[in-house]
């Protein structure tokens, strides 16, 4: 993969990756892909059910395989929160584009998870969300090119913060191409 034309959102479950991703894609006139939605569609089940059925390690392997199978251009990717546990998946995402960390403080994450307790969460048996947050936060910061401190921001404010960063540091990602080159259609 030679072109780093994607914007990849990483962060804790309930940080807003899917919501911000959809809005950012609309603002930039790009496609949006939610990796959790791919897993749900593949299994025909909610993410938490898949996670529980497979167990944490097998789920992380599945998530990594899904990420590594992606060959995308000019797409906003909302990654699963646990993708940071697999360096091969993170390396692939880095090759695809710019990694932006949606940095939301723990109290906000806890409140959001409490409001939607059925959200998919890859967590070890007996592990607390506080422990999970502490464990993952350092990984997000290690992989991200930029962290948006968006705990007190609205979705439009978060989108604007990402756009401001991209326009300063990666203006080429903000340009709408005059011509989109489509790959040839494979006929069977």
Protein backbone atom coordinates (compact mmCIF):
# COMPACT_ATOMS: atom_id res chain seq x y z
CA UNK A 1 0.00 0.00 0.00
CA UNK A 2 1.72 3.18 -1.12
CA UNK A 3 -0.83 5.94 -0.56
CA UNK A 4 -1.51 7.17 2.98
CA UNK A 5 -4.83 8.78 2.12
CA UNK A 6 -7.05 7.54 4.96
CA UNK A 7 -7.80 9.11 8.31
CA UNK A 8 -8.01 6.48 11.05
CA UNK A 9 -9.76 7.24 14.33
CA UNK A 10 -8.51 5.32 17.35
CA UNK A 11 -9.57 5.50 20.97
CA UNK A 12 -11.38 3.87 23.82
CA UNK A 13 -14.82 2.33 23.40
CA UNK A 14 -17.37 5.16 23.77
CA UNK A 15 -14.87 7.82 22.68
CA UNK A 16 -17.05 8.67 19.67
CA UNK A 17 -15.06 7.09 16.86
CA UNK A 18 -18.11 5.92 14.89
CA UNK A 19 -20.11 9.11 15.33
CA UNK A 20 -17.18 11.44 14.66
CA UNK A 21 -16.09 9.22 11.77
CA UNK A 22 -19.45 9.51 10.01
CA UNK A 23 -19.55 13.28 10.47
CA UNK A 24 -15.91 13.73 9.43
CA UNK A 25 -16.50 11.64 6.31
CA UNK A 26 -19.52 13.77 5.41
CA UNK A 27 -17.57 16.99 5.96
CA UNK A 28 -14.66 15.77 3.83
CA UNK A 29 -16.80 14.05 1.16
CA UNK A 30 -15.09 10.73 1.86
CA UNK A 31 -16.23 7.19 2.50
CA UNK A 32 -16.59 5.94 6.07
CA UNK A 33 -15.84 2.46 7.33
CA UNK A 34 -16.48 1.18 10.85
CA UNK A 35 -14.42 -1.95 11.52
CA UNK A 36 -16.76 -3.07 14.31
CA UNK A 37 -19.65 -2.97 11.82
CA UNK A 38 -17.72 -5.30 9.50
CA UNK A 39 -17.33 -7.82 12.30
CA UNK A 40 -21.01 -7.54 13.22
CA UNK A 41 -22.08 -7.99 9.60
CA UNK A 42 -19.74 -10.95 9.09
CA UNK A 43 -21.12 -12.78 12.13
CA UNK A 44 -24.67 -11.46 11.93
CA UNK A 45 -24.52 -10.57 15.61
CA UNK A 46 -23.84 -7.65 17.93
CA UNK A 47 -20.18 -7.03 18.68
CA UNK A 48 -20.47 -7.89 22.38
CA UNK A 49 -21.97 -11.28 21.52
CA UNK A 50 -19.09 -12.00 19.12
CA UNK A 51 -16.54 -10.89 21.73
CA UNK A 52 -18.13 -13.01 24.45
CA UNK A 53 -18.48 -16.06 22.19
CA UNK A 54 -14.88 -15.97 20.97
CA UNK A 55 -13.14 -14.78 24.12
CA UNK A 56 -10.84 -11.78 24.28
CA UNK A 57 -7.72 -13.22 22.59
CA UNK A 58 -9.57 -14.87 19.70
CA UNK A 59 -11.59 -11.69 19.20
CA UNK A 60 -8.40 -9.62 19.07
CA UNK A 61 -7.00 -11.99 16.44
CA UNK A 62 -10.21 -11.67 14.42
CA UNK A 63 -10.19 -7.89 14.68
CA UNK A 64 -6.56 -7.80 13.55
CA UNK A 65 -7.33 -10.03 10.55
CA UNK A 66 -10.22 -7.77 9.54
CA UNK A 67 -8.01 -4.68 9.77
CA UNK A 68 -5.15 -6.30 7.85
CA UNK A 69 -7.58 -7.28 5.06
CA UNK A 70 -8.51 -3.66 4.38
CA UNK A 71 -7.21 -2.01 1.23
CA UNK A 72 -8.72 1.46 1.36
CA UNK A 73 -8.13 4.88 -0.13
CA UNK A 74 -9.58 8.23 0.91
CA UNK A 75 -11.67 6.71 3.69
CA UNK A 76 -12.36 7.67 7.28
CA UNK A 77 -11.84 4.52 9.34
CA UNK A 78 -13.46 4.18 12.76
CA UNK A 79 -11.42 1.38 14.29
CA UNK A 80 -12.43 -0.86 17.14
CA UNK A 81 -11.11 0.26 20.50
CA UNK A 82 -9.13 -2.94 21.07
CA UNK A 83 -7.22 -2.81 17.77
CA UNK A 84 -4.23 -1.30 19.63
CA UNK A 85 -3.42 -4.69 21.15
CA UNK A 86 -2.19 -6.08 17.83
CA UNK A 87 0.91 -4.32 16.43
CA UNK A 88 0.43 -5.88 12.98
CA UNK A 89 -3.03 -4.33 12.71
CA UNK A 90 -1.75 -0.97 13.93
CA UNK A 91 1.13 -1.05 11.45
CA UNK A 92 -1.35 -1.70 8.66
CA UNK A 93 -3.53 1.21 9.78
CA UNK A 94 -0.45 3.45 9.89
CA UNK A 95 0.39 2.44 6.32
CA UNK A 96 -3.15 3.38 5.26
CA UNK A 97 -3.16 6.84 6.77
CA UNK A 98 -3.01 9.29 9.63
CA UNK A 99 -3.96 7.94 13.06
CA UNK A 100 -5.99 10.37 15.17
CA UNK A 101 -6.68 9.52 18.82
CA UNK A 102 -10.01 10.70 20.22
CA UNK A 103 -8.84 11.41 23.76
CA UNK A 104 -11.81 11.27 26.12
CA UNK A 105 -11.30 11.27 29.92
CA UNK A 106 -12.22 8.21 31.93
CA UNK A 107 -15.26 9.75 33.73
CA UNK A 108 -16.86 10.56 30.36
CA UNK A 109 -16.09 7.06 29.05
CA UNK A 110 -17.66 5.50 32.16
CA UNK A 111 -20.80 7.61 31.77
CA UNK A 112 -21.15 6.74 28.07
CA UNK A 113 -20.64 3.03 28.68
CA UNK A 114 -23.23 3.13 31.49
CA UNK A 115 -25.74 4.71 29.07
CA UNK A 116 -25.12 1.96 26.50
CA UNK A 117 -23.99 -1.14 28.40
CA UNK A 118 -24.48 -3.44 25.40
CA UNK A 119 -21.69 -1.80 23.41
CA UNK A 120 -18.95 -4.20 22.36
CA UNK A 121 -16.03 -4.20 24.75
CA UNK A 122 -13.07 -6.59 24.59
CA UNK A 123 -12.25 -6.89 28.27
CA UNK A 124 -10.62 -9.69 30.23
CA UNK A 125 -12.69 -11.50 32.87
CA UNK A 126 -12.40 -9.61 36.16
CA UNK A 127 -10.79 -6.56 34.55
CA UNK A 128 -12.38 -3.19 35.33
CA UNK A 129 -13.04 -0.49 32.78
CA UNK A 130 -10.65 1.73 34.74
CA UNK A 131 -7.88 -0.86 34.33
CA UNK A 132 -8.73 -1.30 30.66
CA UNK A 133 -8.61 2.46 30.12
CA UNK A 134 -5.19 2.77 31.80
CA UNK A 135 -3.84 -0.13 29.77
CA UNK A 136 -5.09 1.14 26.42
CA UNK A 137 -4.47 4.86 26.88
CA UNK A 138 -0.69 4.50 26.62
CA UNK A 139 -1.11 2.38 23.47
CA UNK A 140 -3.35 4.94 21.79
CA UNK A 141 -0.83 7.67 22.56
CA UNK A 142 2.05 5.55 21.25
CA UNK A 143 0.39 4.92 17.88
CA UNK A 144 -1.43 8.20 17.27
CA UNK A 145 0.06 10.97 15.23
CA UNK A 146 -2.28 13.41 16.95
CA UNK A 147 -4.59 13.30 19.99
CA UNK A 148 -7.73 15.40 20.10
CA UNK A 149 -8.71 16.19 23.72
CA UNK A 150 -12.41 15.95 22.96
CA UNK A 151 -14.03 14.95 26.26
CA UNK A 152 -15.81 18.28 26.62
CA UNK A 153 -16.41 18.86 22.91
CA UNK A 154 -19.51 18.32 20.84
CA UNK A 155 -19.27 16.13 17.75
CA UNK A 156 -19.07 19.16 15.41
CA UNK A 157 -16.31 20.67 17.57
CA UNK A 158 -14.37 17.40 17.48
CA UNK A 159 -14.76 17.16 13.72
CA UNK A 160 -13.52 20.74 13.38
CA UNK A 161 -10.51 20.02 15.61
CA UNK A 162 -9.56 17.09 13.37
CA UNK A 163 -10.08 19.18 10.23
CA UNK A 164 -7.96 22.00 11.67
CA UNK A 165 -5.12 19.58 12.40
CA UNK A 166 -5.34 17.95 8.97
CA UNK A 167 -5.42 21.28 7.13
CA UNK A 168 -2.26 22.40 9.00
CA UNK A 169 -0.25 19.19 8.84
CA UNK A 170 -1.75 17.15 5.97
CA UNK A 171 -3.43 19.63 3.61
CA UNK A 172 -3.26 17.07 0.80
CA UNK A 173 -5.82 14.95 2.67
CA UNK A 174 -8.27 17.86 2.69
CA UNK A 175 -8.22 18.33 -1.06
CA UNK A 176 -11.00 16.87 -3.17
CA UNK A 177 -9.34 15.19 -6.15
CA UNK A 178 -10.31 16.55 -9.54
CA UNK A 179 -10.58 13.03 -10.84
CA UNK A 180 -11.04 9.82 -8.94
CA UNK A 181 -9.24 6.88 -10.53
CA UNK A 182 -11.25 3.71 -10.17
CA UNK A 183 -9.63 0.29 -10.42
CA UNK A 184 -10.81 -1.88 -13.29
CA UNK A 185 -13.88 -3.99 -12.65
CA UNK A 186 -13.07 -7.68 -12.48
CA UNK A 187 -15.57 -9.72 -14.47
CA UNK A 188 -16.21 -13.29 -13.50
